[in-house]
Amino acid sequence: MNQKFFGYARLARPANLPTAAADILAGIAVTGVFSSAHTDVFFTAISGTDILFLVFASVFLYAGGVILNDVFDYKIDAVERPERPIPSGLIPLASAAIYGGLTLSLGVVLAFFVNSLSGYVAIGLAAAILLYDAIAKKYDFFGPLSMGVCRGINLILGMSILGTLGYWWMAAIPIVYIFAITLISRGEVHGANKNHIVLAGVLYATVIFAVLSLAYLYTDTVLFPLLFLVLFAILVFRPLVKAHSENSPENIKKAVMAGVLSLVVLDASIAVSFSTWWYGLLILALLPISKALSKLFAVT
């Protein structure tokens, strides 16, 4: 693969992009269009094209956000991560800034192709992304919260496919979850973040309880959501426990990576609470894609 092309690809964090798509698919499920009682709504109100537009809008918004994050961080990365595309000189700073700006803008445009509400939500997401990249990440509390808000809005973007936002409050789940992951990542370079790891574990448990509560309220049986949540718990807690017992940057990085990629499983757990088991498996199929890409591209 051409080295410069590979550098541009690295900036977009390809392994993370399926997690953005999973948020959208979960948000669509929350609207109820895939439940057995509302299949007629799906066939009359939603087209496959609308789903694709929202999925790719989310993917481009996420990619634009992480590209611009590296643009804003180029001075820090020159010291802590000099191997990255911008500080290594592989990708010029100005080119990366244009690349990130165009990618972010394309995500907003694609959302407007679905409906005006989706477009406005995408604008809000783009603004939240820029706020995090430029300002919020510098603060211990506001940074993780801002990152979580971005994921919460991304879930809402999926809900907007029908032009309404009846369950917007569910954005609290990814907000809490991403807050936890971002807390863990604070020790990715230097380690020594056991207190953050303990708090993250509590937040993970809170998220699991919240999704179980949704399953109890919105499904006839909690069996399938429970199965997805068991898988989720195994994937996130095993590396978290190891990072606590051996509090090294390497183990912390693995815990962060597991948290990010397991977003797919969390989204699948939410989706089956509002739809059917096969739709959850469809979302879960994004996990091996993320894992495969993570062997080629960095997640964090």
C-alpha atoms as a PDB file:
ATOM      1  CA  MET A   1       0.000   0.000   0.000  1.00  0.00           C
ATOM      2  CA  ASN A   2       1.255   3.511  -0.853  1.00  0.00           C
ATOM      3  CA  GLN A   3       2.777   5.001   2.305  1.00  0.00           C
ATOM      4  CA  LYS A   4       1.037   8.376   1.998  1.00  0.00           C
ATOM      5  CA  PHE A   5      -2.332   6.760   1.278  1.00  0.00           C
ATOM      6  CA  PHE A   6      -1.822   4.562   4.337  1.00  0.00           C
ATOM      7  CA  GLY A   7      -1.050   7.697   6.347  1.00  0.00           C
ATOM      8  CA  TYR A   8      -4.317   9.357   5.350  1.00  0.00           C
ATOM      9  CA  ALA A   9      -6.161   6.142   6.192  1.00  0.00           C
ATOM     10  CA  ARG A  10      -4.494   5.985   9.620  1.00  0.00           C
ATOM     11  CA  LEU A  11      -5.702   9.493  10.417  1.00  0.00           C
ATOM     12  CA  ALA A  12      -9.323   8.376   9.949  1.00  0.00           C
ATOM     13  CA  ARG A  13      -9.014   5.434  12.432  1.00  0.00           C
ATOM     14  CA  PRO A  14     -10.669   2.809  10.157  1.00  0.00           C
ATOM     15  CA  ALA A  15     -11.026   0.277  12.992  1.00  0.00           C
ATOM     16  CA  ASN A  16     -13.286   2.693  14.882  1.00  0.00           C
ATOM     17  CA  LEU A  17     -15.580   3.564  12.001  1.00  0.00           C
ATOM     18  CA  PRO A  18     -17.843   0.474  12.274  1.00  0.00           C
ATOM     19  CA  THR A  19     -18.637   1.566  15.841  1.00  0.00           C
ATOM     20  CA  ALA A  20     -20.080   4.809  14.456  1.00  0.00           C
ATOM     21  CA  ALA A  21     -22.238   2.807  12.047  1.00  0.00           C
ATOM     22  CA  ALA A  22     -23.399   0.625  14.958  1.00  0.00           C
ATOM     23  CA  ASP A  23     -24.625   3.738  16.806  1.00  0.00           C
ATOM     24  CA  ILE A  24     -26.801   4.645  13.846  1.00  0.00           C
ATOM     25  CA  LEU A  25     -28.242   1.146  13.471  1.00  0.00           C
ATOM     26  CA  ALA A  26     -29.030   1.065  17.204  1.00  0.00           C
ATOM     27  CA  GLY A  27     -30.680   4.487  16.988  1.00  0.00           C
ATOM     28  CA  ILE A  28     -32.838   3.303  14.103  1.00  0.00           C
ATOM     29  CA  ALA A  29     -33.889   0.257  16.140  1.00  0.00           C
ATOM     30  CA  VAL A  30     -34.922   2.522  19.030  1.00  0.00           C
ATOM     31  CA  THR A  31     -37.557   4.093  16.768  1.00  0.00           C
ATOM     32  CA  GLY A  32     -39.289   0.707  16.722  1.00  0.00           C
ATOM     33  CA  VAL A  33     -39.296   0.201  12.975  1.00  0.00           C
ATOM     34  CA  PHE A  34     -37.721  -3.247  13.223  1.00  0.00           C
ATOM     35  CA  SER A  35     -40.047  -4.565  15.915  1.00  0.00           C
ATOM     36  CA  SER A  36     -42.605  -7.155  14.848  1.00  0.00           C
ATOM     37  CA  ALA A  37     -45.427  -4.711  15.574  1.00  0.00           C
ATOM     38  CA  HIS A  38     -44.089  -1.981  13.299  1.00  0.00           C
ATOM     39  CA  THR A  39     -42.655  -3.702  10.236  1.00  0.00           C
ATOM     40  CA  ASP A  40     -45.197  -1.878   8.089  1.00  0.00           C
ATOM     41  CA  VAL A  41     -43.681   1.434   9.229  1.00  0.00           C
ATOM     42  CA  PHE A  42     -40.285   0.316   8.030  1.00  0.00           C
ATOM     43  CA  PHE A  43     -41.446  -0.547   4.556  1.00  0.00           C
ATOM     44  CA  THR A  44     -43.482   2.644   4.113  1.00  0.00           C
ATOM     45  CA  ALA A  45     -41.457   5.278   5.974  1.00  0.00           C
ATOM     46  CA  ILE A  46     -37.809   4.239   5.602  1.00  0.00           C
ATOM     47  CA  SER A  47     -35.786   3.312   2.565  1.00  0.00           C
ATOM     48  CA  GLY A  48     -32.530   1.419   2.513  1.00  0.00           C
ATOM     49  CA  THR A  49     -31.012   4.525   0.960  1.00  0.00           C
ATOM     50  CA  ASP A  50     -31.908   6.589   4.033  1.00  0.00           C
ATOM     51  CA  ILE A  51     -30.192   4.047   6.279  1.00  0.00           C
ATOM     52  CA  LEU A  52     -27.063   4.111   4.114  1.00  0.00           C
ATOM     53  CA  PHE A  53     -27.019   7.909   4.059  1.00  0.00           C
ATOM     54  CA  LEU A  54     -27.185   8.056   7.861  1.00  0.00           C
ATOM     55  CA  VAL A  55     -24.589   5.319   8.310  1.00  0.00           C
ATOM     56  CA  PHE A  56     -22.123   7.041   6.012  1.00  0.00           C
ATOM     57  CA  ALA A  57     -22.954  10.459   7.476  1.00  0.00           C
ATOM     58  CA  SER A  58     -21.953   9.108  10.876  1.00  0.00           C
ATOM     59  CA  VAL A  59     -18.830   7.422   9.529  1.00  0.00           C
ATOM     60  CA  PHE A  60     -17.653  10.623   7.819  1.00  0.00           C
ATOM     61  CA  LEU A  61     -18.453  12.743  10.876  1.00  0.00           C
ATOM     62  CA  TYR A  62     -16.468  10.382  13.084  1.00  0.00           C
ATOM     63  CA  ALA A  63     -13.572  10.222  10.630  1.00  0.00           C
ATOM     64  CA  GLY A  64     -13.505  14.002  10.300  1.00  0.00           C
ATOM     65  CA  GLY A  65     -13.496  14.342  14.064  1.00  0.00           C
ATOM     66  CA  VAL A  66     -10.514  12.059  14.674  1.00  0.00           C
ATOM     67  CA  ILE A  67      -8.580  13.580  11.774  1.00  0.00           C
ATOM     68  CA  LEU A  68      -9.069  17.080  13.174  1.00  0.00           C
ATOM     69  CA  ASN A  69      -8.246  15.788  16.638  1.00  0.00           C
ATOM     70  CA  ASP A  70      -4.790  14.871  15.354  1.00  0.00           C
ATOM     71  CA  VAL A  71      -4.547  18.279  13.684  1.00  0.00           C
ATOM     72  CA  PHE A  72      -5.202  20.060  16.985  1.00  0.00           C
ATOM     73  CA  ASP A  73      -2.878  17.663  18.830  1.00  0.00           C
ATOM     74  CA  TYR A  74       0.080  17.822  16.476  1.00  0.00           C
ATOM     75  CA  LYS A  75       2.363  19.575  18.984  1.00  0.00           C
ATOM     76  CA  ILE A  76       1.598  17.104  21.771  1.00  0.00           C
ATOM     77  CA  ASP A  77       1.889  14.143  19.394  1.00  0.00           C
ATOM     78  CA  ALA A  78       5.298  15.405  18.272  1.00  0.00           C
ATOM     79  CA  VAL A  79       6.463  14.634  21.821  1.00  0.00           C
ATOM     80  CA  GLU A  80       4.286  11.705  22.914  1.00  0.00           C
ATOM     81  CA  ARG A  81       3.411   9.972  19.610  1.00  0.00           C
ATOM     82  CA  PRO A  82       5.975  11.100  17.013  1.00  0.00           C
ATOM     83  CA  GLU A  83       5.207   8.078  14.833  1.00  0.00           C
ATOM     84  CA  ARG A  84       1.759   9.407  13.898  1.00  0.00           C
ATOM     85  CA  PRO A  85       1.218  10.658  10.321  1.00  0.00           C
ATOM     86  CA  ILE A  86       1.302  14.413  11.057  1.00  0.00           C
ATOM     87  CA  PRO A  87       4.256  14.707  13.491  1.00  0.00           C
ATOM     88  CA  SER A  88       6.274  12.189  11.472  1.00  0.00           C
ATOM     89  CA  GLY A  89       5.967  14.479   8.442  1.00  0.00           C
ATOM     90  CA  LEU A  90       4.164  11.885   6.328  1.00  0.00           C
ATOM     91  CA  ILE A  91       1.019  14.057   6.076  1.00  0.00           C
ATOM     92  CA  PRO A  92       1.410  17.881   6.045  1.00  0.00           C
ATOM     93  CA  LEU A  93      -0.563  19.661   8.758  1.00  0.00           C
ATOM     94  CA  ALA A  94      -2.449  21.863   6.262  1.00  0.00           C
ATOM     95  CA  SER A  95      -3.418  18.842   4.139  1.00  0.00           C
ATOM     96  CA  ALA A  96      -4.689  17.001   7.209  1.00  0.00           C
ATOM     97  CA  ALA A  97      -6.759  20.032   8.251  1.00  0.00           C
ATOM     98  CA  ILE A  98      -8.398  20.256   4.802  1.00  0.00           C
ATOM     99  CA  TYR A  99      -8.934  16.480   4.767  1.00  0.00           C
ATOM    100  CA  GLY A 100     -10.623  16.567   8.167  1.00  0.00           C
ATOM    101  CA  GLY A 101     -12.759  19.602   7.367  1.00  0.00           C
ATOM    102  CA  LEU A 102     -14.034  18.165   4.094  1.00  0.00           C
ATOM    103  CA  THR A 103     -14.765  14.791   5.664  1.00  0.00           C
ATOM    104  CA  LEU A 104     -16.711  16.369   8.530  1.00  0.00           C
ATOM    105  CA  SER A 105     -18.682  18.552   6.089  1.00  0.00           C
ATOM    106  CA  LEU A 106     -19.525  15.582   3.882  1.00  0.00           C
ATOM    107  CA  GLY A 107     -21.049  13.849   6.895  1.00  0.00           C
ATOM    108  CA  VAL A 108     -23.387  16.803   7.476  1.00  0.00           C
ATOM    109  CA  VAL A 109     -24.397  16.947   3.800  1.00  0.00           C
ATOM    110  CA  LEU A 110     -25.243  13.231   3.703  1.00  0.00           C
ATOM    111  CA  ALA A 111     -27.475  13.622   6.770  1.00  0.00           C
ATOM    112  CA  PHE A 112     -29.518  16.336   5.042  1.00  0.00           C
ATOM    113  CA  PHE A 113     -30.263  13.857   2.243  1.00  0.00           C
ATOM    114  CA  VAL A 114     -32.372  11.905   4.764  1.00  0.00           C
ATOM    115  CA  ASN A 115     -34.423  14.763   6.241  1.00  0.00           C
ATOM    116  CA  SER A 116     -33.931  18.220   7.704  1.00  0.00           C
ATOM    117  CA  LEU A 117     -33.968  16.967  11.303  1.00  0.00           C
ATOM    118  CA  SER A 118     -31.133  14.547  10.565  1.00  0.00           C
ATOM    119  CA  GLY A 119     -29.204  17.380   8.974  1.00  0.00           C
ATOM    120  CA  TYR A 120     -29.620  19.642  11.989  1.00  0.00           C
ATOM    121  CA  VAL A 121     -28.622  16.827  14.354  1.00  0.00           C
ATOM    122  CA  ALA A 122     -25.522  16.278  12.215  1.00  0.00           C
ATOM    123  CA  ILE A 123     -24.664  19.975  12.474  1.00  0.00           C
ATOM    124  CA  GLY A 124     -24.989  19.694  16.254  1.00  0.00           C
ATOM    125  CA  LEU A 125     -22.745  16.625  16.220  1.00  0.00           C
ATOM    126  CA  ALA A 126     -20.137  18.383  14.083  1.00  0.00           C
ATOM    127  CA  ALA A 127     -20.158  21.337  16.498  1.00  0.00           C
ATOM    128  CA  ALA A 128     -19.767  18.998  19.484  1.00  0.00           C
ATOM    129  CA  ILE A 129     -16.872  17.240  17.758  1.00  0.00           C
ATOM    130  CA  LEU A 130     -15.075  20.511  17.086  1.00  0.00           C
ATOM    131  CA  LEU A 131     -15.689  21.654  20.660  1.00  0.00           C
ATOM    132  CA  TYR A 132     -14.055  18.485  21.948  1.00  0.00           C
ATOM    133  CA  ASP A 133     -11.132  18.607  19.520  1.00  0.00           C
ATOM    134  CA  ALA A 134     -10.286  22.256  20.080  1.00  0.00           C
ATOM    135  CA  ILE A 135     -11.155  22.945  23.715  1.00  0.00           C
ATOM    136  CA  ALA A 136     -12.938  20.366  25.874  1.00  0.00           C
ATOM    137  CA  LYS A 137     -10.373  17.552  25.812  1.00  0.00           C
ATOM    138  CA  LYS A 138      -7.941  19.724  27.768  1.00  0.00           C
ATOM    139  CA  TYR A 139     -10.120  19.432  30.884  1.00  0.00           C
ATOM    140  CA  ASP A 140     -10.311  16.379  33.157  1.00  0.00           C
ATOM    141  CA  PHE A 141     -14.100  16.390  33.509  1.00  0.00           C
ATOM    142  CA  PHE A 142     -15.368  18.399  30.562  1.00  0.00           C
ATOM    143  CA  GLY A 143     -13.223  16.401  28.111  1.00  0.00           C
ATOM    144  CA  PRO A 144     -14.687  12.950  28.820  1.00  0.00           C
ATOM    145  CA  LEU A 145     -18.176  14.449  29.083  1.00  0.00           C
ATOM    146  CA  SER A 146     -17.818  16.205  25.735  1.00  0.00           C
ATOM    147  CA  MET A 147     -16.595  13.020  24.065  1.00  0.00           C
ATOM    148  CA  GLY A 148     -19.576  11.156  25.502  1.00  0.00           C
ATOM    149  CA  VAL A 149     -21.967  13.824  24.250  1.00  0.00           C
ATOM    150  CA  CYS A 150     -20.617  13.274  20.730  1.00  0.00           C
ATOM    151  CA  ARG A 151     -21.525   9.584  20.939  1.00  0.00           C
ATOM    152  CA  GLY A 152     -24.889  10.394  22.445  1.00  0.00           C
ATOM    153  CA  ILE A 153     -25.725  12.728  19.576  1.00  0.00           C
ATOM    154  CA  ASN A 154     -24.573  10.047  17.138  1.00  0.00           C
ATOM    155  CA  LEU A 155     -27.160   7.660  18.612  1.00  0.00           C
ATOM    156  CA  ILE A 156     -29.768  10.421  18.291  1.00  0.00           C
ATOM    157  CA  LEU A 157     -28.751  10.833  14.646  1.00  0.00           C
ATOM    158  CA  GLY A 158     -29.904   7.258  14.054  1.00  0.00           C
ATOM    159  CA  MET A 159     -33.206   7.982  15.819  1.00  0.00           C
ATOM    160  CA  SER A 160     -33.801  10.967  13.543  1.00  0.00           C
ATOM    161  CA  ILE A 161     -34.465   8.780  10.511  1.00  0.00           C
ATOM    162  CA  LEU A 162     -38.240   9.103  10.995  1.00  0.00           C
ATOM    163  CA  GLY A 163     -38.027  12.850  11.611  1.00  0.00           C
ATOM    164  CA  THR A 164     -38.775  12.581  15.341  1.00  0.00           C
ATOM    165  CA  LEU A 165     -36.707  12.190  18.515  1.00  0.00           C
ATOM    166  CA  GLY A 166     -39.028  10.491  20.981  1.00  0.00           C
ATOM    167  CA  TYR A 167     -36.263   8.645  22.821  1.00  0.00           C
ATOM    168  CA  TRP A 168     -33.543  11.302  22.790  1.00  0.00           C
ATOM    169  CA  TRP A 169     -32.927  10.753  26.515  1.00  0.00           C
ATOM    170  CA  MET A 170     -31.331   7.393  25.720  1.00  0.00           C
ATOM    171  CA  ALA A 171     -28.261   9.332  24.622  1.00  0.00           C
ATOM    172  CA  ALA A 172     -27.317   9.215  28.319  1.00  0.00           C
ATOM    173  CA  ILE A 173     -26.167   5.598  27.895  1.00  0.00           C
ATOM    174  CA  PRO A 174     -23.349   6.223  25.393  1.00  0.00           C
ATOM    175  CA  ILE A 175     -22.500   9.479  27.184  1.00  0.00           C
ATOM    176  CA  VAL A 176     -21.800   7.597  30.426  1.00  0.00           C
ATOM    177  CA  TYR A 177     -20.012   4.781  28.619  1.00  0.00           C
ATOM    178  CA  ILE A 178     -17.700   7.018  26.600  1.00  0.00           C
ATOM    179  CA  PHE A 179     -17.045   9.122  29.685  1.00  0.00           C
ATOM    180  CA  ALA A 180     -15.735   5.930  31.304  1.00  0.00           C
ATOM    181  CA  ILE A 181     -13.504   5.014  28.345  1.00  0.00           C
ATOM    182  CA  THR A 182     -12.087   8.524  28.133  1.00  0.00           C
ATOM    183  CA  LEU A 183     -11.267   8.410  31.838  1.00  0.00           C
ATOM    184  CA  ILE A 184      -9.286   5.209  31.283  1.00  0.00           C
ATOM    185  CA  SER A 185      -7.439   6.701  28.311  1.00  0.00           C
ATOM    186  CA  ARG A 186      -6.007   9.441  30.548  1.00  0.00           C
ATOM    187  CA  GLY A 187      -3.339   6.929  31.606  1.00  0.00           C
ATOM    188  CA  GLU A 188      -2.566   5.626  28.145  1.00  0.00           C
ATOM    189  CA  VAL A 189       0.793   7.389  27.901  1.00  0.00           C
ATOM    190  CA  HIS A 190       2.078   7.394  31.477  1.00  0.00           C
ATOM    191  CA  GLY A 191      -0.026   4.784  33.307  1.00  0.00           C
ATOM    192  CA  ALA A 192      -0.849   5.183  37.022  1.00  0.00           C
ATOM    193  CA  ASN A 193      -4.613   5.715  36.702  1.00  0.00           C
ATOM    194  CA  LYS A 194      -6.086   3.068  39.028  1.00  0.00           C
ATOM    195  CA  ASN A 195      -8.658   5.463  40.479  1.00  0.00           C
ATOM    196  CA  HIS A 196      -9.969   6.258  37.004  1.00  0.00           C
ATOM    197  CA  ILE A 197     -10.161   2.552  36.204  1.00  0.00           C
ATOM    198  CA  VAL A 198     -12.238   1.845  39.319  1.00  0.00           C
ATOM    199  CA  LEU A 199     -14.626   4.682  38.448  1.00  0.00           C
ATOM    200  CA  ALA A 200     -14.835   3.420  34.870  1.00  0.00           C
ATOM    201  CA  GLY A 201     -15.802  -0.031  36.162  1.00  0.00           C
ATOM    202  CA  VAL A 202     -18.649   1.491  38.166  1.00  0.00           C
ATOM    203  CA  LEU A 203     -19.831   3.410  35.093  1.00  0.00           C
ATOM    204  CA  TYR A 204     -19.660   0.242  32.964  1.00  0.00           C
ATOM    205  CA  ALA A 205     -21.885  -1.525  35.499  1.00  0.00           C
ATOM    206  CA  THR A 206     -24.290   1.435  35.442  1.00  0.00           C
ATOM    207  CA  VAL A 207     -24.550   1.201  31.661  1.00  0.00           C
ATOM    208  CA  ILE A 208     -25.270  -2.539  31.813  1.00  0.00           C
ATOM    209  CA  PHE A 209     -28.000  -1.966  34.400  1.00  0.00           C
ATOM    210  CA  ALA A 210     -29.527   0.789  32.253  1.00  0.00           C
ATOM    211  CA  VAL A 211     -29.719  -1.409  29.146  1.00  0.00           C
ATOM    212  CA  LEU A 212     -31.183  -4.288  31.192  1.00  0.00           C
ATOM    213  CA  SER A 213     -33.832  -1.890  32.450  1.00  0.00           C
ATOM    214  CA  LEU A 214     -34.674  -0.897  28.891  1.00  0.00           C
ATOM    215  CA  ALA A 215     -34.921  -4.557  27.911  1.00  0.00           C
ATOM    216  CA  TYR A 216     -37.316  -5.199  30.782  1.00  0.00           C
ATOM    217  CA  LEU A 217     -39.488  -2.263  29.768  1.00  0.00           C
ATOM    218  CA  TYR A 218     -39.503  -2.668  25.984  1.00  0.00           C
ATOM    219  CA  THR A 219     -39.192  -6.386  25.195  1.00  0.00           C
ATOM    220  CA  ASP A 220     -41.272  -9.481  25.860  1.00  0.00           C
ATOM    221  CA  THR A 221     -38.173 -11.297  27.098  1.00  0.00           C
ATOM    222  CA  VAL A 222     -34.835 -10.093  28.386  1.00  0.00           C
ATOM    223  CA  LEU A 223     -33.043 -13.240  27.198  1.00  0.00           C
ATOM    224  CA  PHE A 224     -31.488 -11.849  24.028  1.00  0.00           C
ATOM    225  CA  PRO A 225     -30.487  -8.470  25.497  1.00  0.00           C
ATOM    226  CA  LEU A 226     -29.029 -10.362  28.466  1.00  0.00           C
ATOM    227  CA  LEU A 227     -26.941 -12.599  26.188  1.00  0.00           C
ATOM    228  CA  PHE A 228     -25.550  -9.577  24.363  1.00  0.00           C
ATOM    229  CA  LEU A 229     -24.810  -7.843  27.663  1.00  0.00           C
ATOM    230  CA  VAL A 230     -22.963 -10.880  29.036  1.00  0.00           C
ATOM    231  CA  LEU A 231     -20.715 -10.784  25.972  1.00  0.00           C
ATOM    232  CA  PHE A 232     -20.296  -7.036  26.418  1.00  0.00           C
ATOM    233  CA  ALA A 233     -19.357  -7.414  30.089  1.00  0.00           C
ATOM    234  CA  ILE A 234     -16.731 -10.057  29.307  1.00  0.00           C
ATOM    235  CA  LEU A 235     -15.180  -7.946  26.564  1.00  0.00           C
ATOM    236  CA  VAL A 236     -14.867  -4.755  28.632  1.00  0.00           C
ATOM    237  CA  PHE A 237     -14.210  -6.015  32.161  1.00  0.00           C
ATOM    238  CA  ARG A 238     -11.454  -8.546  31.436  1.00  0.00           C
ATOM    239  CA  PRO A 239      -8.967  -5.980  30.057  1.00  0.00           C
ATOM    240  CA  LEU A 240     -10.139  -3.433  32.632  1.00  0.00           C
ATOM    241  CA  VAL A 241      -9.323  -5.754  35.533  1.00  0.00           C
ATOM    242  CA  LYS A 242      -5.939  -6.521  34.011  1.00  0.00           C
ATOM    243  CA  ALA A 243      -5.214  -2.809  33.556  1.00  0.00           C
ATOM    244  CA  HIS A 244      -6.000  -2.267  37.227  1.00  0.00           C
ATOM    245  CA  SER A 245      -3.839  -5.116  38.485  1.00  0.00           C
ATOM    246  CA  GLU A 246      -0.941  -4.265  36.152  1.00  0.00           C
ATOM    247  CA  ASN A 247      -1.345  -0.535  35.696  1.00  0.00           C
ATOM    248  CA  SER A 248       0.960  -0.111  32.697  1.00  0.00           C
ATOM    249  CA  PRO A 249       0.365   2.074  29.619  1.00  0.00           C
ATOM    250  CA  GLU A 250       0.213  -1.073  27.469  1.00  0.00           C
ATOM    251  CA  ASN A 251      -2.590  -2.653  29.508  1.00  0.00           C
ATOM    252  CA  ILE A 252      -4.430   0.649  29.756  1.00  0.00           C
ATOM    253  CA  LYS A 253      -4.265   1.010  25.980  1.00  0.00           C
ATOM    254  CA  LYS A 254      -5.716  -2.501  25.584  1.00  0.00           C
ATOM    255  CA  ALA A 255      -8.543  -1.627  27.980  1.00  0.00           C
ATOM    256  CA  VAL A 256      -9.302   1.521  25.984  1.00  0.00           C
ATOM    257  CA  MET A 257      -9.225  -0.378  22.704  1.00  0.00           C
ATOM    258  CA  ALA A 258     -11.567  -3.039  24.099  1.00  0.00           C
ATOM    259  CA  GLY A 259     -13.929  -0.333  25.313  1.00  0.00           C
ATOM    260  CA  VAL A 260     -14.053   1.414  21.964  1.00  0.00           C
ATOM    261  CA  LEU A 261     -14.569  -1.723  19.877  1.00  0.00           C
ATOM    262  CA  SER A 262     -17.143  -3.110  22.335  1.00  0.00           C
ATOM    263  CA  LEU A 263     -19.374  -0.161  21.507  1.00  0.00           C
ATOM    264  CA  VAL A 264     -20.644  -2.428  18.734  1.00  0.00           C
ATOM    265  CA  VAL A 265     -21.833  -4.966  21.315  1.00  0.00           C
ATOM    266  CA  LEU A 266     -23.392  -2.263  23.485  1.00  0.00           C
ATOM    267  CA  ASP A 267     -25.269  -0.929  20.459  1.00  0.00           C
ATOM    268  CA  ALA A 268     -26.422  -4.455  19.606  1.00  0.00           C
ATOM    269  CA  SER A 269     -27.684  -4.846  23.191  1.00  0.00           C
ATOM    270  CA  ILE A 270     -29.701  -1.641  22.888  1.00  0.00           C
ATOM    271  CA  ALA A 271     -31.008  -2.627  19.469  1.00  0.00           C
ATOM    272  CA  VAL A 272     -32.375  -6.024  20.532  1.00  0.00           C
ATOM    273  CA  SER A 273     -34.244  -4.297  23.355  1.00  0.00           C
ATOM    274  CA  PHE A 274     -36.313  -2.481  20.717  1.00  0.00           C
ATOM    275  CA  SER A 275     -36.249  -4.907  17.784  1.00  0.00           C
ATOM    276  CA  THR A 276     -35.470  -8.581  17.182  1.00  0.00           C
ATOM    277  CA  TRP A 277     -32.536 -10.929  17.791  1.00  0.00           C
ATOM    278  CA  TRP A 278     -31.461 -11.053  14.132  1.00  0.00           C
ATOM    279  CA  TYR A 279     -31.083  -7.276  13.989  1.00  0.00           C
ATOM    280  CA  GLY A 280     -28.788  -7.419  17.002  1.00  0.00           C
ATOM    281  CA  LEU A 281     -26.689 -10.056  15.246  1.00  0.00           C
ATOM    282  CA  LEU A 282     -26.534  -7.827  12.179  1.00  0.00           C
ATOM    283  CA  ILE A 283     -24.984  -5.061  14.272  1.00  0.00           C
ATOM    284  CA  LEU A 284     -22.731  -7.537  16.073  1.00  0.00           C
ATOM    285  CA  ALA A 285     -21.313  -8.564  12.682  1.00  0.00           C
ATOM    286  CA  LEU A 286     -19.535  -5.196  12.649  1.00  0.00           C
ATOM    287  CA  LEU A 287     -17.330  -6.307  15.568  1.00  0.00           C
ATOM    288  CA  PRO A 288     -15.088  -8.724  13.620  1.00  0.00           C
ATOM    289  CA  ILE A 289     -14.675  -6.025  10.965  1.00  0.00           C
ATOM    290  CA  SER A 290     -13.451  -3.593  13.623  1.00  0.00           C
ATOM    291  CA  LYS A 291     -11.165  -6.206  15.145  1.00  0.00           C
ATOM    292  CA  ALA A 292      -9.682  -7.076  11.751  1.00  0.00           C
ATOM    293  CA  LEU A 293      -9.026  -3.410  10.976  1.00  0.00           C
ATOM    294  CA  SER A 294      -7.520  -2.908  14.447  1.00  0.00           C
ATOM    295  CA  LYS A 295      -4.698  -5.266  13.432  1.00  0.00           C
ATOM    296  CA  LEU A 296      -3.779  -2.829  10.645  1.00  0.00           C
ATOM    297  CA  PHE A 297      -4.705   0.546  12.148  1.00  0.00           C
ATOM    298  CA  ALA A 298      -4.449   2.014  15.646  1.00  0.00           C
ATOM    299  CA  VAL A 299      -7.695   2.394  17.581  1.00  0.00           C
ATOM    300  CA  THR A 300      -6.474   5.163  19.906  1.00  0.00           C
END
